[in-house]
Each structure stands twice: as C-alpha cells, then as structure tokens.
C-alpha atoms as a PDB file:
ATOM      1  CA  MET A   1     -38.633  68.054   5.260  1.00  0.00           C
ATOM      2  CA  GLY A   2     -40.009  68.197   8.793  1.00  0.00           C
ATOM      3  CA  PRO A   3     -40.912  65.275  11.052  1.00  0.00           C
ATOM      4  CA  LEU A   4     -43.366  62.716   9.701  1.00  0.00           C
ATOM      5  CA  PHE A   5     -45.225  60.723  12.349  1.00  0.00           C
ATOM      6  CA  LEU A   6     -46.738  57.298  11.760  1.00  0.00           C
ATOM      7  CA  ILE A   7     -49.663  56.768  14.152  1.00  0.00           C
ATOM      8  CA  VAL A   8     -50.343  53.041  14.475  1.00  0.00           C
ATOM      9  CA  GLU A   9     -53.684  52.755  16.269  1.00  0.00           C
ATOM     10  CA  ASP A  10     -56.824  50.720  15.498  1.00  0.00           C
ATOM     11  CA  ASP A  11     -59.116  52.939  17.592  1.00  0.00           C
ATOM     12  CA  LEU A  12     -60.115  55.607  15.076  1.00  0.00           C
ATOM     13  CA  GLN A  13     -61.144  58.104  17.739  1.00  0.00           C
ATOM     14  CA  ILE A  14     -57.777  57.917  19.515  1.00  0.00           C
ATOM     15  CA  SER A  15     -55.875  57.974  16.219  1.00  0.00           C
ATOM     16  CA  ASN A  16     -57.741  61.082  15.068  1.00  0.00           C
ATOM     17  CA  PHE A  17     -57.191  62.730  18.453  1.00  0.00           C
ATOM     18  CA  ILE A  18     -53.426  62.188  18.246  1.00  0.00           C
ATOM     19  CA  LYS A  19     -53.323  63.298  14.599  1.00  0.00           C
ATOM     20  CA  PHE A  20     -55.328  66.464  15.317  1.00  0.00           C
ATOM     21  CA  SER A  21     -53.028  67.315  18.233  1.00  0.00           C
ATOM     22  CA  LEU A  22     -49.865  66.784  16.178  1.00  0.00           C
ATOM     23  CA  ASP A  23     -51.322  68.662  13.205  1.00  0.00           C
ATOM     24  CA  SER A  24     -51.944  71.640  15.514  1.00  0.00           C
ATOM     25  CA  GLN A  25     -48.194  71.658  16.293  1.00  0.00           C
ATOM     26  CA  GLY A  26     -47.331  71.771  12.595  1.00  0.00           C
ATOM     27  CA  TYR A  27     -46.326  68.109  12.309  1.00  0.00           C
ATOM     28  CA  SER A  28     -47.243  65.818   9.411  1.00  0.00           C
ATOM     29  CA  CYS A  29     -48.913  62.495  10.151  1.00  0.00           C
ATOM     30  CA  LEU A  30     -49.791  59.175   8.553  1.00  0.00           C
ATOM     31  CA  GLU A  31     -52.266  56.758  10.127  1.00  0.00           C
ATOM     32  CA  ALA A  32     -52.313  52.962  10.091  1.00  0.00           C
ATOM     33  CA  SER A  33     -54.893  50.775  11.828  1.00  0.00           C
ATOM     34  CA  THR A  34     -53.077  47.443  11.388  1.00  0.00           C
ATOM     35  CA  GLY A  35     -49.551  46.153  11.740  1.00  0.00           C
ATOM     36  CA  LYS A  36     -49.415  45.241   8.058  1.00  0.00           C
ATOM     37  CA  ALA A  37     -50.414  48.771   7.029  1.00  0.00           C
ATOM     38  CA  ALA A  38     -47.813  50.199   9.412  1.00  0.00           C
ATOM     39  CA  LEU A  39     -44.977  48.103   7.984  1.00  0.00           C
ATOM     40  CA  ASN A  40     -46.089  49.009   4.464  1.00  0.00           C
ATOM     41  CA  ALA A  41     -46.002  52.721   5.335  1.00  0.00           C
ATOM     42  CA  LEU A  42     -42.522  52.348   6.825  1.00  0.00           C
ATOM     43  CA  ALA A  43     -41.332  50.713   3.610  1.00  0.00           C
ATOM     44  CA  ASN A  44     -42.710  53.458   1.380  1.00  0.00           C
ATOM     45  CA  GLU A  45     -42.795  56.722   3.336  1.00  0.00           C
ATOM     46  CA  PRO A  46     -40.040  58.836   4.998  1.00  0.00           C
ATOM     47  CA  VAL A  47     -41.374  58.275   8.515  1.00  0.00           C
ATOM     48  CA  THR A  48     -39.286  59.849  11.285  1.00  0.00           C
ATOM     49  CA  THR A  49     -41.196  58.825  14.444  1.00  0.00           C
ATOM     50  CA  ILE A  50     -43.653  56.024  15.278  1.00  0.00           C
ATOM     51  CA  ILE A  51     -46.482  56.294  17.809  1.00  0.00           C
ATOM     52  CA  LEU A  52     -47.571  52.723  18.398  1.00  0.00           C
ATOM     53  CA  ASP A  53     -50.477  50.997  20.100  1.00  0.00           C
ATOM     54  CA  LEU A  54     -49.681  47.414  21.113  1.00  0.00           C
ATOM     55  CA  GLY A  55     -53.178  45.938  20.744  1.00  0.00           C
ATOM     56  CA  LEU A  56     -53.608  45.760  16.978  1.00  0.00           C
ATOM     57  CA  PRO A  57     -56.090  43.457  15.212  1.00  0.00           C
ATOM     58  CA  ASP A  58     -53.596  41.538  13.056  1.00  0.00           C
ATOM     59  CA  MET A  59     -50.410  41.398  15.134  1.00  0.00           C
ATOM     60  CA  ASP A  60     -49.055  42.388  18.508  1.00  0.00           C
ATOM     61  CA  GLY A  61     -47.282  45.734  18.652  1.00  0.00           C
ATOM     62  CA  LEU A  62     -44.255  44.030  20.205  1.00  0.00           C
ATOM     63  CA  GLU A  63     -43.787  42.165  16.928  1.00  0.00           C
ATOM     64  CA  ILE A  64     -43.754  45.479  15.063  1.00  0.00           C
ATOM     65  CA  ILE A  65     -41.127  46.900  17.431  1.00  0.00           C
ATOM     66  CA  LYS A  66     -38.902  43.864  16.890  1.00  0.00           C
ATOM     67  CA  LYS A  67     -39.363  43.991  13.100  1.00  0.00           C
ATOM     68  CA  VAL A  68     -38.585  47.722  12.956  1.00  0.00           C
ATOM     69  CA  ARG A  69     -35.449  47.260  15.057  1.00  0.00           C
ATOM     70  CA  THR A  70     -34.049  44.832  12.469  1.00  0.00           C
ATOM     71  CA  PHE A  71     -33.725  47.666   9.948  1.00  0.00           C
ATOM     72  CA  SER A  72     -34.192  51.027  11.678  1.00  0.00           C
ATOM     73  CA  ASP A  73     -33.514  53.004  14.858  1.00  0.00           C
ATOM     74  CA  LEU A  74     -36.521  55.295  14.338  1.00  0.00           C
ATOM     75  CA  PRO A  75     -37.918  56.590  17.653  1.00  0.00           C
ATOM     76  CA  ILE A  76     -40.881  54.487  18.817  1.00  0.00           C
ATOM     77  CA  ILE A  77     -43.277  55.834  21.440  1.00  0.00           C
ATOM     78  CA  VAL A  78     -45.707  53.206  22.700  1.00  0.00           C
ATOM     79  CA  VAL A  79     -49.180  54.366  23.774  1.00  0.00           C
ATOM     80  CA  SER A  80     -51.074  51.432  25.226  1.00  0.00           C
ATOM     81  CA  ALA A  81     -53.766  50.421  27.668  1.00  0.00           C
ATOM     82  CA  ARG A  82     -51.430  47.706  28.954  1.00  0.00           C
ATOM     83  CA  ASP A  83     -50.352  49.103  32.296  1.00  0.00           C
ATOM     84  CA  GLN A  84     -48.467  46.237  33.918  1.00  0.00           C
ATOM     85  CA  ASP A  85     -44.806  46.953  34.662  1.00  0.00           C
ATOM     86  CA  ALA A  86     -43.736  43.679  33.055  1.00  0.00           C
ATOM     87  CA  GLU A  87     -45.439  44.649  29.781  1.00  0.00           C
ATOM     88  CA  LYS A  88     -43.795  48.069  29.795  1.00  0.00           C
ATOM     89  CA  VAL A  89     -40.401  46.477  30.404  1.00  0.00           C
ATOM     90  CA  GLU A  90     -40.994  43.979  27.588  1.00  0.00           C
ATOM     91  CA  ALA A  91     -41.796  46.760  25.100  1.00  0.00           C
ATOM     92  CA  LEU A  92     -38.791  48.842  26.153  1.00  0.00           C
ATOM     93  CA  ASP A  93     -36.451  45.853  26.070  1.00  0.00           C
ATOM     94  CA  ALA A  94     -37.772  45.048  22.575  1.00  0.00           C
ATOM     95  CA  GLY A  95     -36.591  48.486  21.429  1.00  0.00           C
ATOM     96  CA  ALA A  96     -39.290  51.071  22.197  1.00  0.00           C
ATOM     97  CA  ASP A  97     -37.925  54.459  23.239  1.00  0.00           C
ATOM     98  CA  ASP A  98     -40.763  55.480  25.536  1.00  0.00           C
ATOM     99  CA  TYR A  99     -44.068  54.194  26.904  1.00  0.00           C
ATOM    100  CA  LEU A 100     -47.263  56.065  27.771  1.00  0.00           C
ATOM    101  CA  THR A 101     -50.228  54.343  29.401  1.00  0.00           C
ATOM    102  CA  LYS A 102     -53.748  55.146  28.194  1.00  0.00           C
ATOM    103  CA  PRO A 103     -55.444  57.397  29.047  1.00  0.00           C
ATOM    104  CA  PHE A 104     -52.709  60.021  28.636  1.00  0.00           C
ATOM    105  CA  SER A 105     -52.741  63.774  28.214  1.00  0.00           C
ATOM    106  CA  ILE A 106     -51.660  65.251  24.903  1.00  0.00           C
ATOM    107  CA  LYS A 107     -49.389  67.616  26.849  1.00  0.00           C
ATOM    108  CA  GLU A 108     -47.503  64.615  28.183  1.00  0.00           C
ATOM    109  CA  LEU A 109     -47.230  63.072  24.720  1.00  0.00           C
ATOM    110  CA  LEU A 110     -45.908  66.334  23.253  1.00  0.00           C
ATOM    111  CA  ALA A 111     -43.404  66.633  26.099  1.00  0.00           C
ATOM    112  CA  ARG A 112     -42.121  63.109  25.426  1.00  0.00           C
ATOM    113  CA  ILE A 113     -41.862  63.933  21.711  1.00  0.00           C
ATOM    114  CA  ARG A 114     -39.773  67.023  22.473  1.00  0.00           C
ATOM    115  CA  VAL A 115     -37.427  64.877  24.556  1.00  0.00           C
ATOM    116  CA  ILE A 116     -37.158  62.366  21.697  1.00  0.00           C
ATOM    117  CA  PHE A 117     -36.302  65.154  19.263  1.00  0.00           C
ATOM    118  CA  ARG A 118     -33.585  66.513  21.557  1.00  0.00           C
ATOM    119  CA  HIS A 119     -32.232  62.977  21.871  1.00  0.00           C
ATOM    120  CA  THR A 120     -32.133  62.305  18.132  1.00  0.00           C
ATOM    121  CA  GLY A 121     -30.669  65.752  17.506  1.00  0.00           C
ATOM    122  CA  ALA A 122     -27.780  64.833  19.762  1.00  0.00           C
ATOM    123  CA  GLN A 123     -27.338  61.557  17.888  1.00  0.00           C
ATOM    124  CA  ASP A 124     -26.902  63.419  14.602  1.00  0.00           C
ATOM    125  CA  LYS A 125     -23.532  64.632  15.813  1.00  0.00           C
ATOM    126  CA  GLU A 126     -20.655  62.231  15.155  1.00  0.00           C
ATOM    127  CA  VAL A 127     -19.490  62.331  18.760  1.00  0.00           C
ATOM    128  CA  GLN A 128     -20.946  64.208  21.683  1.00  0.00           C
ATOM    129  CA  SER A 129     -18.665  64.479  24.660  1.00  0.00           C
ATOM    130  CA  VAL A 130     -19.938  67.542  26.523  1.00  0.00           C
ATOM    131  CA  TYR A 131     -23.561  67.869  27.683  1.00  0.00           C
ATOM    132  CA  LYS A 132     -24.689  71.258  28.996  1.00  0.00           C
ATOM    133  CA  PHE A 133     -27.876  72.075  30.870  1.00  0.00           C
ATOM    134  CA  ALA A 134     -29.045  75.019  32.970  1.00  0.00           C
ATOM    135  CA  ASP A 135     -26.956  74.232  36.069  1.00  0.00           C
ATOM    136  CA  LEU A 136     -25.115  71.151  34.899  1.00  0.00           C
ATOM    137  CA  GLU A 137     -22.194  70.339  32.602  1.00  0.00           C
ATOM    138  CA  ILE A 138     -20.940  66.803  32.014  1.00  0.00           C
ATOM    139  CA  ASP A 139     -17.801  66.033  30.015  1.00  0.00           C
ATOM    140  CA  LEU A 140     -17.754  62.320  29.215  1.00  0.00           C
ATOM    141  CA  ALA A 141     -14.266  62.390  27.703  1.00  0.00           C
ATOM    142  CA  LYS A 142     -12.718  64.025  30.768  1.00  0.00           C
ATOM    143  CA  HIS A 143     -14.974  62.234  33.276  1.00  0.00           C
ATOM    144  CA  ARG A 144     -15.848  65.607  34.770  1.00  0.00           C
ATOM    145  CA  VAL A 145     -19.169  66.728  36.243  1.00  0.00           C
ATOM    146  CA  MET A 146     -19.830  70.396  37.060  1.00  0.00           C
ATOM    147  CA  VAL A 147     -22.909  71.118  39.162  1.00  0.00           C
ATOM    148  CA  ARG A 148     -23.855  74.767  39.640  1.00  0.00           C
ATOM    149  CA  GLY A 149     -20.305  75.829  38.772  1.00  0.00           C
ATOM    150  CA  LYS A 150     -18.512  73.369  41.073  1.00  0.00           C
ATOM    151  CA  GLU A 151     -16.833  70.101  40.143  1.00  0.00           C
ATOM    152  CA  VAL A 152     -18.447  67.109  41.867  1.00  0.00           C
ATOM    153  CA  HIS A 153     -16.709  63.760  42.362  1.00  0.00           C
ATOM    154  CA  PHE A 154     -18.410  60.652  40.989  1.00  0.00           C
ATOM    155  CA  THR A 155     -17.155  57.123  41.578  1.00  0.00           C
ATOM    156  CA  PRO A 156     -16.332  55.146  38.405  1.00  0.00           C
ATOM    157  CA  ILE A 157     -19.565  53.137  38.604  1.00  0.00           C
ATOM    158  CA  GLU A 158     -21.684  56.248  39.312  1.00  0.00           C
ATOM    159  CA  PHE A 159     -20.106  57.981  36.324  1.00  0.00           C
ATOM    160  CA  ASN A 160     -20.665  54.958  34.069  1.00  0.00           C
ATOM    161  CA  VAL A 161     -24.363  54.881  35.021  1.00  0.00           C
ATOM    162  CA  LEU A 162     -24.679  58.619  34.397  1.00  0.00           C
ATOM    163  CA  ALA A 163     -22.872  58.338  31.047  1.00  0.00           C
ATOM    164  CA  LEU A 164     -25.156  55.494  29.937  1.00  0.00           C
ATOM    165  CA  LEU A 165     -28.254  57.553  30.732  1.00  0.00           C
ATOM    166  CA  LEU A 166     -26.845  60.608  28.937  1.00  0.00           C
ATOM    167  CA  LYS A 167     -25.952  58.667  25.797  1.00  0.00           C
ATOM    168  CA  ASN A 168     -29.570  57.493  25.732  1.00  0.00           C
ATOM    169  CA  TYR A 169     -31.006  60.933  26.537  1.00  0.00           C
ATOM    170  CA  GLY A 170     -34.782  60.839  26.763  1.00  0.00           C
ATOM    171  CA  LYS A 171     -35.022  57.056  26.415  1.00  0.00           C
ATOM    172  CA  VAL A 172     -36.332  54.902  29.235  1.00  0.00           C
ATOM    173  CA  LEU A 173     -33.668  52.362  30.214  1.00  0.00           C
ATOM    174  CA  THR A 174     -34.903  49.326  32.105  1.00  0.00           C
ATOM    175  CA  HIS A 175     -33.242  48.110  35.292  1.00  0.00           C
ATOM    176  CA  LYS A 176     -32.138  44.996  33.407  1.00  0.00           C
ATOM    177  CA  TYR A 177     -30.518  47.017  30.610  1.00  0.00           C
ATOM    178  CA  ILE A 178     -28.590  49.306  32.968  1.00  0.00           C
ATOM    179  CA  LEU A 179     -27.373  46.408  35.101  1.00  0.00           C
ATOM    180  CA  LYS A 180     -26.184  44.466  32.045  1.00  0.00           C
ATOM    181  CA  GLU A 181     -24.440  47.471  30.501  1.00  0.00           C
ATOM    182  CA  VAL A 182     -22.695  48.649  33.681  1.00  0.00           C
ATOM    183  CA  TRP A 183     -22.244  45.495  35.768  1.00  0.00           C
ATOM    184  CA  GLY A 184     -22.466  42.788  33.112  1.00  0.00           C
ATOM    185  CA  SER A 185     -25.299  40.982  34.890  1.00  0.00           C
ATOM    186  CA  ALA A 186     -28.974  41.560  35.634  1.00  0.00           C
ATOM    187  CA  LEU A 187     -29.982  39.538  38.663  1.00  0.00           C
ATOM    188  CA  ASP A 188     -33.212  40.526  40.413  1.00  0.00           C
ATOM    189  CA  ASN A 189     -31.408  41.206  43.687  1.00  0.00           C
ATOM    190  CA  ASP A 190     -29.107  43.681  41.892  1.00  0.00           C
ATOM    191  CA  VAL A 191     -31.996  46.122  41.373  1.00  0.00           C
ATOM    192  CA  GLN A 192     -31.794  47.311  44.977  1.00  0.00           C
ATOM    193  CA  SER A 193     -28.086  48.031  44.532  1.00  0.00           C
ATOM    194  CA  LEU A 194     -28.918  50.034  41.412  1.00  0.00           C
ATOM    195  CA  ARG A 195     -31.449  52.073  43.409  1.00  0.00           C
ATOM    196  CA  VAL A 196     -28.724  52.910  45.941  1.00  0.00           C
ATOM    197  CA  PHE A 197     -26.413  54.122  43.172  1.00  0.00           C
ATOM    198  CA  MET A 198     -29.221  56.189  41.656  1.00  0.00           C
ATOM    199  CA  ALA A 199     -29.929  57.787  45.020  1.00  0.00           C
ATOM    200  CA  ASN A 200     -26.250  58.747  45.333  1.00  0.00           C
ATOM    201  CA  ILE A 201     -26.162  60.132  41.790  1.00  0.00           C
ATOM    202  CA  ARG A 202     -29.276  62.220  42.450  1.00  0.00           C
ATOM    203  CA  ARG A 203     -27.849  63.502  45.727  1.00  0.00           C
ATOM    204  CA  LYS A 204     -24.786  64.792  43.889  1.00  0.00           C
ATOM    205  CA  LEU A 205     -26.584  65.979  40.752  1.00  0.00           C
ATOM    206  CA  GLU A 206     -29.981  67.311  41.730  1.00  0.00           C
ATOM    207  CA  GLU A 207     -30.760  70.529  43.549  1.00  0.00           C
ATOM    208  CA  ASN A 208     -33.732  68.719  45.116  1.00  0.00           C
ATOM    209  CA  PRO A 209     -33.179  64.924  44.981  1.00  0.00           C
ATOM    210  CA  ALA A 210     -36.754  64.324  46.185  1.00  0.00           C
ATOM    211  CA  LYS A 211     -38.048  66.117  43.064  1.00  0.00           C
ATOM    212  CA  PRO A 212     -35.420  65.285  40.449  1.00  0.00           C
ATOM    213  CA  ARG A 213     -35.041  67.385  37.333  1.00  0.00           C
ATOM    214  CA  TYR A 214     -32.659  65.143  35.415  1.00  0.00           C
ATOM    215  CA  ILE A 215     -32.825  61.524  36.602  1.00  0.00           C
ATOM    216  CA  ILE A 216     -36.463  60.507  36.140  1.00  0.00           C
ATOM    217  CA  THR A 217     -37.827  57.276  37.634  1.00  0.00           C
ATOM    218  CA  GLU A 218     -40.256  55.218  35.575  1.00  0.00           C
ATOM    219  CA  VAL A 219     -41.794  53.275  38.454  1.00  0.00           C
ATOM    220  CA  GLY A 220     -41.304  49.524  38.193  1.00  0.00           C
ATOM    221  CA  VAL A 221     -39.482  49.908  34.884  1.00  0.00           C
ATOM    222  CA  GLY A 222     -36.248  51.893  35.085  1.00  0.00           C
ATOM    223  CA  TYR A 223     -34.843  55.384  34.576  1.00  0.00           C
ATOM    224  CA  ARG A 224     -34.379  58.044  31.921  1.00  0.00           C
ATOM    225  CA  PHE A 225     -32.335  61.238  31.718  1.00  0.00           C
ATOM    226  CA  ALA A 226     -34.279  64.308  30.642  1.00  0.00           C
ATOM    227  CA  ASP A 227     -34.027  68.008  31.379  1.00  0.00           C
ATOM    228  CA  GLU A 228     -37.462  68.548  32.950  1.00  0.00           C
END
C-alpha cells in the first residue's frame, strides 16, 4: 500500500486544494475538519503522514501533535497561518516534523514531503551508519567526513551536531533541542555559540556556505539537514 495522507484542515477550500495536489501525484488522502475526526481517522485508518492545521474549531493542533506522539512517530507537517517564531518552535518541540506558514506553494509542500519520505526511508533500516550524497559521504561509526573526495576534519562537537542533524534527516531541529542534545543545556545565550558552530560546519561542508545545500536554516527556529 502506498502513502496515505490525513489532511487535518477546517478550511474546506485549502483542504481540497491540498488533496487535489496530492491526488495529482498519485497519493491517497483522507480529510478531517476537526481534531476529533482526525484522531478517529488515526485510530481506524492506516495513515502514514499527517498534514495539520493548528487552528481547528474543537481543539488546538498542538494538542493533536502531543496526543499523536504518545502512540506514534508518524510524520507530521504543520501548515498554519501562525507565523511567529515562538509558535513554530512550540509546534516543533511538541513533535511536529516540519512547519509551513500559510500561504505556501504546493511545490514547497511537495518538496518537504519528499524530504520526509527520504527521512522515514532511512529510518526503516535497523542501523544507518554511512550517508552518501552527491559530493558528500559521512560515516558516523568511523567519525569520518569526505567532502568532494577529500577527508575533512571535524571537532568532536562539530561532528556531534552534524550527526544529530543527519539522524533526523529532513526534520527541523530547534535551537533548544540541539543545545540540549549536544551540550546538555539550552540557555538563551548559548544560541549564538550554536550559530558559530553551524558556520564552521557549513564552511567545511558546503561548496558555497552562503547558499547552503545541506544545512538549512529555519530562521528564528533552528536547522535541518536536507539534500537541496
């Protein structure tokens, strides 16, 4: 069976637009206009990916994310008119995998879906140690990074940050999450230090650090690794 999307959106016009676009790509879709209907569909249908609006009539989308994360790691892509950085961070920290602000282009949504699928495909393997891209090869077990055929030295902290992003390929990781996972703390004044490390990682990894291909910044929120 192929992917089955659950579109959770109370605006019928937007829901139909997303469904039509996904149908045109050969995907199957279910639609739910309330949180209760969404949770019911998740309990009874083999949903593989959730596209979720936060502003639902009966409950906040954040509550749905938290409920889903108690029993499932299904990919959740938030599409919302809420455009404040703090709200994006809250949704991602609650367990969403990605966040698109309305209005969005369907091309962007489809691109994010492709990244999610590559990410979940990697998770299906018991253990993935080696990640290969066009001009990049990273061996997590050997702590080795090859960039355009040459081995590049990474400090232990730089490598740990890179490994964390790779293991969560395609998922937006908030500043707070990265700091907690790598440094064990998440103080506000640590964010600038994280930016310095990211700049060093990009300098070593990217052909053009000013226009990164792999380490993507989600402004005000965090970072994600994706082959773009």
